[in-house]
Amino acid sequence: MKDKVEKNEIILDTSGTECPIPVLKARNLCQTLSGGAIVKVICTDPLAEEDFRHYCKQSNYSLIDIIKSESKIYIKFKI
């Protein structure tokens, strides 16, 4: 897992992990961030999409985008 900042987005790479790990890692990261931060999570588990939809709704975060490629899912949300 890697964290980095790119274009004012915090990038969290959870590639290779299975649910619920991507959401748990994102939750831990979000607890250290202030409101208004944008987080982009890179996932490989196809179940992550639905998990993040639920997580954003429960946390009152704005789900910005979900992009699927052949091998990865990119999920972007605003805290």
PDB file of N, CA and C in Angstrom:
ATOM      1  N   MET A   1       0.843  -1.182   0.000  1.00  0.00           N
ATOM      2  CA  MET A   1       0.000   0.000   0.000  1.00  0.00           C
ATOM      3  C   MET A   1       0.880   1.234   0.000  1.00  0.00           C
ATOM      4  N   LYS A   2       0.527   2.200  -0.828  1.00  0.00           N
ATOM      5  CA  LYS A   2       1.289   3.431  -0.920  1.00  0.00           C
ATOM      6  C   LYS A   2       0.346   4.611  -0.779  1.00  0.00           C
ATOM      7  N   ASP A   3       0.823   5.650  -0.101  1.00  0.00           N
ATOM      8  CA  ASP A   3       0.087   6.906  -0.016  1.00  0.00           C
ATOM      9  C   ASP A   3       0.950   7.962  -0.676  1.00  0.00           C
ATOM     10  N   LYS A   4       0.329   8.826  -1.472  1.00  0.00           N
ATOM     11  CA  LYS A   4       1.049   9.966  -2.018  1.00  0.00           C
ATOM     12  C   LYS A   4       0.047  11.043  -2.369  1.00  0.00           C
ATOM     13  N   VAL A   5       0.535  12.239  -2.586  1.00  0.00           N
ATOM     14  CA  VAL A   5      -0.318  13.359  -2.961  1.00  0.00           C
ATOM     15  C   VAL A   5       0.014  13.729  -4.392  1.00  0.00           C
ATOM     16  N   GLU A   6      -1.037  13.842  -5.209  1.00  0.00           N
ATOM     17  CA  GLU A   6      -0.871  14.160  -6.622  1.00  0.00           C
ATOM     18  C   GLU A   6      -2.059  15.006  -7.052  1.00  0.00           C
ATOM     19  N   LYS A   7      -1.795  16.177  -7.605  1.00  0.00           N
ATOM     20  CA  LYS A   7      -2.860  17.074  -8.081  1.00  0.00           C
ATOM     21  C   LYS A   7      -3.886  17.350  -6.984  1.00  0.00           C
ATOM     22  N   ASN A   8      -3.411  17.614  -5.769  1.00  0.00           N
ATOM     23  CA  ASN A   8      -4.277  17.902  -4.624  1.00  0.00           C
ATOM     24  C   ASN A   8      -5.176  16.738  -4.233  1.00  0.00           C
ATOM     25  N   GLU A   9      -4.822  15.540  -4.641  1.00  0.00           N
ATOM     26  CA  GLU A   9      -5.551  14.337  -4.249  1.00  0.00           C
ATOM     27  C   GLU A   9      -4.609  13.444  -3.454  1.00  0.00           C
ATOM     28  N   ILE A  10      -5.120  12.824  -2.419  1.00  0.00           N
ATOM     29  CA  ILE A  10      -4.339  11.839  -1.681  1.00  0.00           C
ATOM     30  C   ILE A  10      -4.602  10.498  -2.357  1.00  0.00           C
ATOM     31  N   ILE A  11      -3.545   9.865  -2.824  1.00  0.00           N
ATOM     32  CA  ILE A  11      -3.659   8.596  -3.534  1.00  0.00           C
ATOM     33  C   ILE A  11      -3.370   7.463  -2.555  1.00  0.00           C
ATOM     34  N   LEU A  12      -4.285   6.524  -2.448  1.00  0.00           N
ATOM     35  CA  LEU A  12      -4.127   5.353  -1.598  1.00  0.00           C
ATOM     36  C   LEU A  12      -4.185   4.115  -2.498  1.00  0.00           C
ATOM     37  N   ASP A  13      -3.063   3.448  -2.636  1.00  0.00           N
ATOM     38  CA  ASP A  13      -2.989   2.260  -3.500  1.00  0.00           C
ATOM     39  C   ASP A  13      -3.166   1.010  -2.646  1.00  0.00           C
ATOM     40  N   THR A  14      -4.306   0.355  -2.806  1.00  0.00           N
ATOM     41  CA  THR A  14      -4.596  -0.868  -2.057  1.00  0.00           C
ATOM     42  C   THR A  14      -4.578  -2.082  -2.978  1.00  0.00           C
ATOM     43  N   SER A  15      -3.917  -1.956  -4.100  1.00  0.00           N
ATOM     44  CA  SER A  15      -3.846  -3.042  -5.074  1.00  0.00           C
ATOM     45  C   SER A  15      -3.352  -4.325  -4.416  1.00  0.00           C
ATOM     46  N   GLY A  16      -3.996  -5.426  -4.769  1.00  0.00           N
ATOM     47  CA  GLY A  16      -3.592  -6.725  -4.247  1.00  0.00           C
ATOM     48  C   GLY A  16      -4.274  -7.124  -2.955  1.00  0.00           C
ATOM     49  N   THR A  17      -5.074  -6.221  -2.384  1.00  0.00           N
ATOM     50  CA  THR A  17      -5.801  -6.572  -1.157  1.00  0.00           C
ATOM     51  C   THR A  17      -7.259  -6.849  -1.496  1.00  0.00           C
ATOM     52  N   GLU A  18      -7.909  -7.616  -0.641  1.00  0.00           N
ATOM     53  CA  GLU A  18      -9.318  -7.949  -0.851  1.00  0.00           C
ATOM     54  C   GLU A  18     -10.172  -7.251   0.198  1.00  0.00           C
ATOM     55  N   CYS A  19     -11.432  -7.059  -0.154  1.00  0.00           N
ATOM     56  CA  CYS A  19     -12.375  -6.420   0.761  1.00  0.00           C
ATOM     57  C   CYS A  19     -12.487  -7.248   2.035  1.00  0.00           C
ATOM     58  N   PRO A  20     -12.559  -6.572   3.144  1.00  0.00           N
ATOM     59  CA  PRO A  20     -12.815  -5.150   3.361  1.00  0.00           C
ATOM     60  C   PRO A  20     -11.556  -4.302   3.532  1.00  0.00           C
ATOM     61  N   ILE A  21     -10.386  -4.835   3.266  1.00  0.00           N
ATOM     62  CA  ILE A  21      -9.134  -4.122   3.527  1.00  0.00           C
ATOM     63  C   ILE A  21      -9.067  -2.750   2.841  1.00  0.00           C
ATOM     64  N   PRO A  22      -9.425  -2.599   1.553  1.00  0.00           N
ATOM     65  CA  PRO A  22      -9.347  -1.260   0.946  1.00  0.00           C
ATOM     66  C   PRO A  22     -10.165  -0.205   1.696  1.00  0.00           C
ATOM     67  N   VAL A  23     -11.375  -0.562   2.112  1.00  0.00           N
ATOM     68  CA  VAL A  23     -12.214   0.393   2.840  1.00  0.00           C
ATOM     69  C   VAL A  23     -11.624   0.682   4.217  1.00  0.00           C
ATOM     70  N   LEU A  24     -11.114  -0.331   4.884  1.00  0.00           N
ATOM     71  CA  LEU A  24     -10.515  -0.118   6.207  1.00  0.00           C
ATOM     72  C   LEU A  24      -9.287   0.782   6.119  1.00  0.00           C
ATOM     73  N   LYS A  25      -8.461   0.578   5.105  1.00  0.00           N
ATOM     74  CA  LYS A  25      -7.287   1.432   4.907  1.00  0.00           C
ATOM     75  C   LYS A  25      -7.712   2.864   4.606  1.00  0.00           C
ATOM     76  N   ALA A  26      -8.742   3.017   3.780  1.00  0.00           N
ATOM     77  CA  ALA A  26      -9.247   4.355   3.452  1.00  0.00           C
ATOM     78  C   ALA A  26      -9.818   5.030   4.694  1.00  0.00           C
ATOM     79  N   ARG A  27     -10.539   4.283   5.488  1.00  0.00           N
ATOM     80  CA  ARG A  27     -11.117   4.846   6.714  1.00  0.00           C
ATOM     81  C   ARG A  27     -10.016   5.345   7.651  1.00  0.00           C
ATOM     82  N   ASN A  28      -8.977   4.536   7.829  1.00  0.00           N
ATOM     83  CA  ASN A  28      -7.860   4.951   8.682  1.00  0.00           C
ATOM     84  C   ASN A  28      -7.195   6.217   8.141  1.00  0.00           C
ATOM     85  N   LEU A  29      -7.019   6.286   6.835  1.00  0.00           N
ATOM     86  CA  LEU A  29      -6.430   7.482   6.225  1.00  0.00           C
ATOM     87  C   LEU A  29      -7.332   8.694   6.435  1.00  0.00           C
ATOM     88  N   CYS A  30      -8.623   8.535   6.200  1.00  0.00           N
ATOM     89  CA  CYS A  30      -9.562   9.652   6.300  1.00  0.00           C
ATOM     90  C   CYS A  30      -9.638  10.222   7.715  1.00  0.00           C
ATOM     91  N   GLN A  31      -9.389   9.394   8.711  1.00  0.00           N
ATOM     92  CA  GLN A  31      -9.406   9.878  10.089  1.00  0.00           C
ATOM     93  C   GLN A  31      -8.277  10.861  10.356  1.00  0.00           C
ATOM     94  N   THR A  32      -7.256  10.883   9.503  1.00  0.00           N
ATOM     95  CA  THR A  32      -6.122  11.793   9.681  1.00  0.00           C
ATOM     96  C   THR A  32      -6.244  13.049   8.817  1.00  0.00           C
ATOM     97  N   LEU A  33      -7.298  13.123   7.996  1.00  0.00           N
ATOM     98  CA  LEU A  33      -7.452  14.228   7.044  1.00  0.00           C
ATOM     99  C   LEU A  33      -8.536  15.196   7.498  1.00  0.00           C
ATOM    100  N   SER A  34      -8.468  16.404   6.983  1.00  0.00           N
ATOM    101  CA  SER A  34      -9.491  17.398   7.291  1.00  0.00           C
ATOM    102  C   SER A  34     -10.564  17.393   6.202  1.00  0.00           C
ATOM    103  N   GLY A  35     -11.707  17.953   6.547  1.00  0.00           N
ATOM    104  CA  GLY A  35     -12.804  18.031   5.597  1.00  0.00           C
ATOM    105  C   GLY A  35     -12.400  18.755   4.330  1.00  0.00           C
ATOM    106  N   GLY A  36     -12.917  18.302   3.212  1.00  0.00           N
ATOM    107  CA  GLY A  36     -12.600  18.897   1.923  1.00  0.00           C
ATOM    108  C   GLY A  36     -11.504  18.170   1.169  1.00  0.00           C
ATOM    109  N   ALA A  37     -10.819  17.259   1.855  1.00  0.00           N
ATOM    110  CA  ALA A  37      -9.751  16.500   1.193  1.00  0.00           C
ATOM    111  C   ALA A  37     -10.358  15.548   0.164  1.00  0.00           C
ATOM    112  N   ILE A  38      -9.621  15.332  -0.911  1.00  0.00           N
ATOM    113  CA  ILE A  38     -10.042  14.391  -1.947  1.00  0.00           C
ATOM    114  C   ILE A  38      -9.119  13.181  -1.900  1.00  0.00           C
ATOM    115  N   VAL A  39      -9.732  12.005  -1.830  1.00  0.00           N
ATOM    116  CA  VAL A  39      -8.991  10.751  -1.746  1.00  0.00           C
ATOM    117  C   VAL A  39      -9.272   9.938  -2.999  1.00  0.00           C
ATOM    118  N   LYS A  40      -8.215   9.412  -3.598  1.00  0.00           N
ATOM    119  CA  LYS A  40      -8.340   8.516  -4.739  1.00  0.00           C
ATOM    120  C   LYS A  40      -7.766   7.163  -4.325  1.00  0.00           C
ATOM    121  N   VAL A  41      -8.607   6.141  -4.343  1.00  0.00           N
ATOM    122  CA  VAL A  41      -8.195   4.802  -3.935  1.00  0.00           C
ATOM    123  C   VAL A  41      -8.059   3.931  -5.176  1.00  0.00           C
ATOM    124  N   ILE A  42      -6.941   3.233  -5.263  1.00  0.00           N
ATOM    125  CA  ILE A  42      -6.702   2.302  -6.356  1.00  0.00           C
ATOM    126  C   ILE A  42      -6.911   0.899  -5.801  1.00  0.00           C
ATOM    127  N   CYS A  43      -7.823   0.145  -6.407  1.00  0.00           N
ATOM    128  CA  CYS A  43      -8.189  -1.188  -5.922  1.00  0.00           C
ATOM    129  C   CYS A  43      -8.086  -2.212  -7.050  1.00  0.00           C
ATOM    130  N   THR A  44      -7.945  -3.461  -6.662  1.00  0.00           N
ATOM    131  CA  THR A  44      -7.995  -4.553  -7.630  1.00  0.00           C
ATOM    132  C   THR A  44      -9.156  -5.498  -7.346  1.00  0.00           C
ATOM    133  N   ASP A  45      -9.763  -5.411  -6.189  1.00  0.00           N
ATOM    134  CA  ASP A  45     -10.878  -6.275  -5.828  1.00  0.00           C
ATOM    135  C   ASP A  45     -12.176  -5.734  -6.429  1.00  0.00           C
ATOM    136  N   PRO A  46     -12.864  -6.511  -7.259  1.00  0.00           N
ATOM    137  CA  PRO A  46     -14.095  -6.019  -7.890  1.00  0.00           C
ATOM    138  C   PRO A  46     -15.213  -5.692  -6.895  1.00  0.00           C
ATOM    139  N   LEU A  47     -15.152  -6.223  -5.694  1.00  0.00           N
ATOM    140  CA  LEU A  47     -16.174  -5.923  -4.691  1.00  0.00           C
ATOM    141  C   LEU A  47     -15.977  -4.545  -4.062  1.00  0.00           C
ATOM    142  N   ALA A  48     -14.840  -3.928  -4.283  1.00  0.00           N
ATOM    143  CA  ALA A  48     -14.540  -2.629  -3.680  1.00  0.00           C
ATOM    144  C   ALA A  48     -15.514  -1.538  -4.127  1.00  0.00           C
ATOM    145  N   GLU A  49     -15.970  -1.602  -5.348  1.00  0.00           N
ATOM    146  CA  GLU A  49     -16.882  -0.567  -5.847  1.00  0.00           C
ATOM    147  C   GLU A  49     -18.104  -0.430  -4.955  1.00  0.00           C
ATOM    148  N   GLU A  50     -18.780  -1.525  -4.692  1.00  0.00           N
ATOM    149  CA  GLU A  50     -19.980  -1.474  -3.861  1.00  0.00           C
ATOM    150  C   GLU A  50     -19.644  -1.122  -2.416  1.00  0.00           C
ATOM    151  N   ASP A  51     -18.526  -1.626  -1.918  1.00  0.00           N
ATOM    152  CA  ASP A  51     -18.103  -1.300  -0.556  1.00  0.00           C
ATOM    153  C   ASP A  51     -17.872   0.199  -0.393  1.00  0.00           C
ATOM    154  N   PHE A  52     -17.243   0.831  -1.388  1.00  0.00           N
ATOM    155  CA  PHE A  52     -16.984   2.266  -1.289  1.00  0.00           C
ATOM    156  C   PHE A  52     -18.246   3.092  -1.489  1.00  0.00           C
ATOM    157  N   ARG A  53     -19.169   2.628  -2.290  1.00  0.00           N
ATOM    158  CA  ARG A  53     -20.455   3.339  -2.404  1.00  0.00           C
ATOM    159  C   ARG A  53     -21.131   3.392  -1.029  1.00  0.00           C
ATOM    160  N   HIS A  54     -21.145   2.249  -0.364  1.00  0.00           N
ATOM    161  CA  HIS A  54     -21.755   2.157   0.967  1.00  0.00           C
ATOM    162  C   HIS A  54     -20.969   3.007   1.978  1.00  0.00           C
ATOM    163  N   TYR A  55     -19.648   2.904   1.962  1.00  0.00           N
ATOM    164  CA  TYR A  55     -18.801   3.656   2.888  1.00  0.00           C
ATOM    165  C   TYR A  55     -19.018   5.163   2.746  1.00  0.00           C
ATOM    166  N   CYS A  56     -19.029   5.651   1.522  1.00  0.00           N
ATOM    167  CA  CYS A  56     -19.224   7.086   1.297  1.00  0.00           C
ATOM    168  C   CYS A  56     -20.594   7.541   1.781  1.00  0.00           C
ATOM    169  N   LYS A  57     -21.609   6.736   1.519  1.00  0.00           N
ATOM    170  CA  LYS A  57     -22.962   7.093   1.953  1.00  0.00           C
ATOM    171  C   LYS A  57     -23.032   7.140   3.482  1.00  0.00           C
ATOM    172  N   GLN A  58     -22.484   6.129   4.142  1.00  0.00           N
ATOM    173  CA  GLN A  58     -22.521   6.060   5.607  1.00  0.00           C
ATOM    174  C   GLN A  58     -21.693   7.165   6.259  1.00  0.00           C
ATOM    175  N   SER A  59     -20.620   7.582   5.601  1.00  0.00           N
ATOM    176  CA  SER A  59     -19.712   8.590   6.164  1.00  0.00           C
ATOM    177  C   SER A  59     -20.054  10.008   5.730  1.00  0.00           C
ATOM    178  N   ASN A  60     -21.088  10.157   4.912  1.00  0.00           N
ATOM    179  CA  ASN A  60     -21.474  11.461   4.351  1.00  0.00           C
ATOM    180  C   ASN A  60     -20.351  12.081   3.527  1.00  0.00           C
ATOM    181  N   TYR A  61     -19.623  11.250   2.792  1.00  0.00           N
ATOM    182  CA  TYR A  61     -18.596  11.709   1.865  1.00  0.00           C
ATOM    183  C   TYR A  61     -19.223  11.768   0.477  1.00  0.00           C
ATOM    184  N   SER A  62     -18.688  12.624  -0.362  1.00  0.00           N
ATOM    185  CA  SER A  62     -19.194  12.752  -1.731  1.00  0.00           C
ATOM    186  C   SER A  62     -18.398  11.838  -2.651  1.00  0.00           C
ATOM    187  N   LEU A  63     -19.063  10.861  -3.205  1.00  0.00           N
ATOM    188  CA  LEU A  63     -18.428   9.975  -4.180  1.00  0.00           C
ATOM    189  C   LEU A  63     -18.321  10.750  -5.488  1.00  0.00           C
ATOM    190  N   ILE A  64     -17.101  10.972  -5.941  1.00  0.00           N
ATOM    191  CA  ILE A  64     -16.875  11.787  -7.128  1.00  0.00           C
ATOM    192  C   ILE A  64     -16.876  10.939  -8.388  1.00  0.00           C
ATOM    193  N   ASP A  65     -16.169   9.825  -8.350  1.00  0.00           N
ATOM    194  CA  ASP A  65     -15.995   9.053  -9.581  1.00  0.00           C
ATOM    195  C   ASP A  65     -15.556   7.630  -9.276  1.00  0.00           C
ATOM    196  N   ILE A  66     -15.968   6.719 -10.121  1.00  0.00           N
ATOM    197  CA  ILE A  66     -15.460   5.341 -10.105  1.00  0.00           C
ATOM    198  C   ILE A  66     -15.107   5.004 -11.547  1.00  0.00           C
ATOM    199  N   ILE A  67     -13.843   4.695 -11.765  1.00  0.00           N
ATOM    200  CA  ILE A  67     -13.366   4.343 -13.101  1.00  0.00           C
ATOM    201  C   ILE A  67     -12.790   2.942 -13.051  1.00  0.00           C
ATOM    202  N   LYS A  68     -13.239   2.106 -13.969  1.00  0.00           N
ATOM    203  CA  LYS A  68     -12.743   0.733 -14.030  1.00  0.00           C
ATOM    204  C   LYS A  68     -11.865   0.562 -15.262  1.00  0.00           C
ATOM    205  N   SER A  69     -10.714  -0.026 -15.042  1.00  0.00           N
ATOM    206  CA  SER A  69      -9.861  -0.416 -16.161  1.00  0.00           C
ATOM    207  C   SER A  69      -9.882  -1.936 -16.224  1.00  0.00           C
ATOM    208  N   GLU A  70      -9.053  -2.492 -17.048  1.00  0.00           N
ATOM    209  CA  GLU A  70      -9.024  -3.936 -17.198  1.00  0.00           C
ATOM    210  C   GLU A  70      -8.653  -4.643 -15.894  1.00  0.00           C
ATOM    211  N   SER A  71      -7.748  -4.044 -15.126  1.00  0.00           N
ATOM    212  CA  SER A  71      -7.263  -4.733 -13.922  1.00  0.00           C
ATOM    213  C   SER A  71      -7.430  -3.936 -12.632  1.00  0.00           C
ATOM    214  N   LYS A  72      -7.842  -2.675 -12.717  1.00  0.00           N
ATOM    215  CA  LYS A  72      -7.942  -1.851 -11.507  1.00  0.00           C
ATOM    216  C   LYS A  72      -9.228  -1.041 -11.487  1.00  0.00           C
ATOM    217  N   ILE A  73      -9.571  -0.616 -10.285  1.00  0.00           N
ATOM    218  CA  ILE A  73     -10.712   0.270 -10.066  1.00  0.00           C
ATOM    219  C   ILE A  73     -10.173   1.506  -9.360  1.00  0.00           C
ATOM    220  N   TYR A  74     -10.523   2.683  -9.865  1.00  0.00           N
ATOM    221  CA  TYR A  74     -10.091   3.953  -9.285  1.00  0.00           C
ATOM    222  C   TYR A  74     -11.324   4.628  -8.692  1.00  0.00           C
ATOM    223  N   ILE A  75     -11.299   4.823  -7.399  1.00  0.00           N
ATOM    224  CA  ILE A  75     -12.448   5.387  -6.687  1.00  0.00           C
ATOM    225  C   ILE A  75     -12.016   6.715  -6.068  1.00  0.00           C
ATOM    226  N   LYS A  76     -12.747   7.767  -6.405  1.00  0.00           N
ATOM    227  CA  LYS A  76     -12.404   9.099  -5.915  1.00  0.00           C
ATOM    228  C   LYS A  76     -13.581   9.640  -5.108  1.00  0.00           C
ATOM    229  N   PHE A  77     -13.293  10.154  -3.906  1.00  0.00           N
ATOM    230  CA  PHE A  77     -14.330  10.750  -3.080  1.00  0.00           C
ATOM    231  C   PHE A  77     -13.772  11.931  -2.303  1.00  0.00           C
ATOM    232  N   LYS A  78     -14.694  12.777  -1.868  1.00  0.00           N
ATOM    233  CA  LYS A  78     -14.326  13.977  -1.102  1.00  0.00           C
ATOM    234  C   LYS A  78     -14.856  13.828   0.312  1.00  0.00           C
ATOM    235  N   ILE A  79     -13.979  14.123   1.257  1.00  0.00           N
ATOM    236  CA  ILE A  79     -14.339  14.021   2.668  1.00  0.00           C
ATOM    237  C   ILE A  79     -15.184  15.229   3.055  1.00  0.00           C
TER     238      ILE A  79
END
